[in-house]
Amino acid sequence: MPFNRAIPESKPRPAKPAGALGALAQAEKMLDVAILLPLAAFVGWLVGAWLDRHLHQSWIGVAGSLFGGVSALVYVARMAIRSMSGAGNGKNSGKGSSNNKP
């Protein structure tokens, strides 16, 4: 008996919930980005200033704030890539394809 693959649906299901719940989830992500970027730079500066005082240096505070800002940007970029690839809804999870059954 020949094997016929199932015909895919013509309309893909929406990945995001529609309505007020979807708008609330999107607003929460934007708020997370807006708070995360300056907070990470500030925390990096605080740690660097503490290390400056205890190690008698003057450059660690600047390096700490740069490190905090760069790490926040990397986190935001990874979050954006994950949301664009659809990893949040089970797609592209890195576990291989289950469509290769004979």
Foldseek 3Di string as FASTA:
>chain_A
DDDDDDDDDPDDDDLADDDPVRVVVVVVLVVCLVVQQVVQLVVLLVVQVVCCVVVVHDCSSVVRSVVSNVVSVVVNVVVVVCVVQSVVRPPPVVPDDPPPDD
